Amino acid sequence: MTRKNRRLILVLGCVIGLGSATVLVFQAFRATGELFIVPSKIATNAPKADRNFRLGGMVESGSLQRFQDANRPAVRFRVSDGVASVSVEYVGILPDLFREGQGVVTLGKMRADGSFAAQEVLAKHDENYMPGDMADELKKTGWKPEQGAPPAAALWNAAKANTSSLQTPPGKVGG
């Protein structure tokens, strides 16, 4: 084997190795590329059932149900963006800051029945935290950040019909 042939084989081996590594990296990004989606976007254009994504919104008041699944703590609750809501089921221990009426981001997949199977629930925030997309959706209903905390998720649909319910709550100084 001549020196030229050895060099050609080495270069081809490097190109094939680099190409294979590039393909693997892109497949990994596609498999773990998680999107942040609000419930109203799921209602109009649901993601594929086998795709992981992040679902964000506010936990509807009165929707939290606790139960046991194979002797493990589990919960069922609804996440809303004021326009639509999605039922979420999670098996595991919830974060300490998880509450009804608070913002939440869940990671998981849609089920065939239209519910969301969460693998992870993120509630690492204070009571004033709100994802940017969620704030934008709330602003469409008439809520303004300078008014203070957003209305409870249960009031959002009513707020669209009657924007007077979005006035500054009693005891709060409006902006």
Protein backbone atom coordinates (compact mmCIF):
# COMPACT_ATOMS: atom_id res chain seq x y z
CA MET A 1 0.00 0.00 0.00
CA THR A 2 1.44 3.32 -1.01
CA ARG A 3 1.65 6.37 1.13
CA LYS A 4 -1.00 8.09 -1.01
CA ASN A 5 -3.48 5.21 -0.50
CA ARG A 6 -2.93 5.19 3.28
CA ARG A 7 -3.59 8.94 3.42
CA LEU A 8 -6.76 8.52 1.31
CA ILE A 9 -8.03 5.77 3.63
CA LEU A 10 -7.27 7.92 6.68
CA VAL A 11 -9.09 10.94 5.22
CA LEU A 12 -12.11 8.80 4.20
CA GLY A 13 -12.21 7.25 7.68
CA CYS A 14 -12.19 10.71 9.28
CA VAL A 15 -14.96 11.96 6.96
CA ILE A 16 -17.12 8.90 7.67
CA GLY A 17 -16.51 9.21 11.43
CA LEU A 18 -17.30 12.94 11.44
CA GLY A 19 -20.41 12.38 9.32
CA SER A 20 -21.64 9.64 11.64
CA ALA A 21 -21.07 11.83 14.70
CA THR A 22 -22.98 14.68 13.06
CA VAL A 23 -25.95 12.43 12.26
CA LEU A 24 -26.02 11.13 15.85
CA VAL A 25 -25.93 14.66 17.27
CA PHE A 26 -28.84 15.79 15.08
CA GLN A 27 -30.88 12.72 16.02
CA ALA A 28 -30.27 13.41 19.70
CA PHE A 29 -31.39 17.03 19.33
CA ARG A 30 -34.52 15.98 17.45
CA ALA A 31 -35.37 13.36 20.08
CA THR A 32 -34.96 15.75 23.02
CA GLY A 33 -36.05 18.99 21.39
CA GLU A 34 -38.74 20.03 23.81
CA LEU A 35 -41.17 22.77 22.92
CA PHE A 36 -43.14 25.00 25.26
CA ILE A 37 -46.78 24.82 24.24
CA VAL A 38 -49.86 26.39 25.84
CA PRO A 39 -53.18 24.46 25.94
CA SER A 40 -54.89 26.61 23.28
CA LYS A 41 -52.19 25.67 20.77
CA ILE A 42 -52.68 21.99 21.62
CA ALA A 43 -56.41 22.37 20.92
CA THR A 44 -55.72 23.77 17.45
CA ASN A 45 -52.61 21.78 16.50
CA ALA A 46 -51.80 18.87 18.81
CA PRO A 47 -48.23 17.53 18.73
CA LYS A 48 -47.54 13.90 17.82
CA ALA A 49 -48.40 11.42 20.56
CA ASP A 50 -44.84 10.09 20.81
CA ARG A 51 -43.15 13.48 21.09
CA ASN A 52 -41.93 14.97 24.37
CA PHE A 53 -42.74 18.63 24.88
CA ARG A 54 -43.31 21.14 27.63
CA LEU A 55 -46.85 22.14 28.48
CA GLY A 56 -47.13 25.46 30.29
CA GLY A 57 -49.96 27.34 31.88
CA MET A 58 -51.76 27.93 35.15
CA VAL A 59 -53.16 25.15 37.33
CA GLU A 60 -56.94 25.58 37.41
CA SER A 61 -58.38 26.11 40.87
CA GLY A 62 -60.40 23.14 42.10
CA SER A 63 -58.92 20.73 39.54
CA LEU A 64 -56.29 19.04 41.73
CA GLN A 65 -57.06 15.41 42.59
CA ARG A 66 -54.64 13.26 44.57
CA PHE A 67 -54.63 9.45 44.37
CA GLN A 68 -52.32 6.42 44.59
CA ASP A 69 -50.93 4.63 41.52
CA ALA A 70 -49.25 1.33 42.42
CA ASN A 71 -48.59 2.67 45.95
CA ARG A 72 -46.97 5.83 44.57
CA PRO A 73 -48.43 9.31 44.99
CA ALA A 74 -50.13 10.59 41.86
CA VAL A 75 -52.10 13.69 40.89
CA ARG A 76 -54.49 14.77 38.21
CA PHE A 77 -55.04 18.47 37.48
CA ARG A 78 -55.93 20.81 34.63
CA VAL A 79 -53.55 23.33 33.05
CA SER A 80 -55.17 26.33 31.38
CA ASP A 81 -54.08 29.37 29.41
CA GLY A 82 -57.44 31.07 29.71
CA VAL A 83 -58.64 29.86 26.32
CA ALA A 84 -58.35 26.08 26.62
CA SER A 85 -57.28 23.59 29.25
CA VAL A 86 -55.61 20.18 29.26
CA SER A 87 -55.94 17.40 31.82
CA VAL A 88 -52.54 16.39 33.22
CA GLU A 89 -51.66 13.23 35.14
CA TYR A 90 -48.40 12.91 37.06
CA VAL A 91 -47.07 10.05 39.17
CA GLY A 92 -44.54 11.22 41.72
CA ILE A 93 -43.98 13.86 44.35
CA LEU A 94 -44.92 17.40 43.36
CA PRO A 95 -42.56 20.33 43.99
CA ASP A 96 -43.18 22.25 47.22
CA LEU A 97 -44.25 25.38 45.33
CA PHE A 98 -46.93 23.59 43.28
CA ARG A 99 -50.34 25.15 43.98
CA GLU A 100 -53.67 25.65 42.27
CA GLY A 101 -53.82 29.02 40.53
CA GLN A 102 -50.03 29.07 40.04
CA GLY A 103 -47.95 28.84 36.89
CA VAL A 104 -46.58 25.41 36.02
CA VAL A 105 -44.50 23.82 33.29
CA THR A 106 -44.82 20.07 32.77
CA LEU A 107 -42.70 17.81 30.59
CA GLY A 108 -44.30 14.77 28.98
CA LYS A 109 -46.37 13.41 26.10
CA MET A 110 -49.96 13.58 24.91
CA ARG A 111 -52.06 10.44 25.28
CA ALA A 112 -54.52 9.13 22.72
CA ASP A 113 -57.44 10.26 24.92
CA GLY A 114 -56.24 13.91 24.81
CA SER A 115 -54.79 14.02 28.32
CA PHE A 116 -51.16 14.80 29.08
CA ALA A 117 -48.91 12.25 30.80
CA ALA A 118 -46.34 14.30 32.70
CA GLN A 119 -42.93 12.86 33.46
CA GLU A 120 -41.78 15.99 35.27
CA VAL A 121 -43.53 18.96 36.90
CA LEU A 122 -41.64 22.22 37.23
CA ALA A 123 -42.86 24.79 39.71
CA LYS A 124 -39.56 26.36 40.76
CA HIS A 125 -40.74 29.92 41.09
CA ASP A 126 -42.20 32.43 43.44
CA GLU A 127 -45.84 33.47 43.31
CA ASN A 128 -45.08 36.21 40.77
CA TYR A 129 -43.39 33.99 38.15
CA MET A 130 -45.13 33.52 34.84
CA PRO A 131 -43.69 32.11 31.60
CA GLY A 132 -43.47 34.70 28.82
CA ASP A 133 -45.90 32.85 26.55
CA MET A 134 -48.37 32.61 29.42
CA ALA A 135 -48.15 36.36 30.08
CA ASP A 136 -48.76 37.03 26.39
CA GLU A 137 -51.85 34.80 26.39
CA LEU A 138 -53.19 36.49 29.53
CA LYS A 139 -52.65 39.93 27.99
CA LYS A 140 -54.94 38.86 25.12
CA THR A 141 -57.72 38.42 27.70
CA GLY A 142 -57.26 42.00 28.92
CA TRP A 143 -54.98 41.46 31.93
CA LYS A 144 -52.07 43.88 32.29
CA PRO A 145 -48.94 43.16 34.38
CA GLU A 146 -49.23 46.51 36.17
CA GLN A 147 -52.56 45.31 37.63
CA GLY A 148 -50.69 42.93 39.89
CA ALA A 149 -51.19 39.20 40.07
CA PRO A 150 -53.19 37.65 37.25
CA PRO A 151 -56.75 36.53 37.90
CA ALA A 152 -57.28 32.95 39.05
CA ALA A 153 -57.27 30.50 36.16
CA ALA A 154 -60.89 29.55 36.89
CA LEU A 155 -61.93 33.15 36.16
CA TRP A 156 -60.16 33.48 32.80
CA ASN A 157 -63.00 32.29 30.59
CA ALA A 158 -65.41 34.52 32.48
CA ALA A 159 -62.90 37.37 32.18
CA LYS A 160 -62.97 37.15 28.40
CA ALA A 161 -66.72 37.67 28.44
CA ASN A 162 -66.57 40.41 31.04
CA THR A 163 -63.29 42.31 31.20
CA SER A 164 -64.49 44.17 34.28
CA SER A 165 -63.57 41.09 36.35
CA LEU A 166 -59.93 41.83 35.53
CA GLN A 167 -59.95 45.07 37.52
CA THR A 168 -57.48 45.47 40.34
CA PRO A 169 -58.51 43.22 43.26
CA PRO A 170 -59.70 44.94 46.42
CA GLY A 171 -56.87 45.90 48.73
CA LYS A 172 -54.32 46.15 45.90
CA VAL A 173 -53.11 49.44 44.55
CA GLY A 174 -53.54 49.39 40.75
CA GLY A 175 -50.91 50.76 38.36
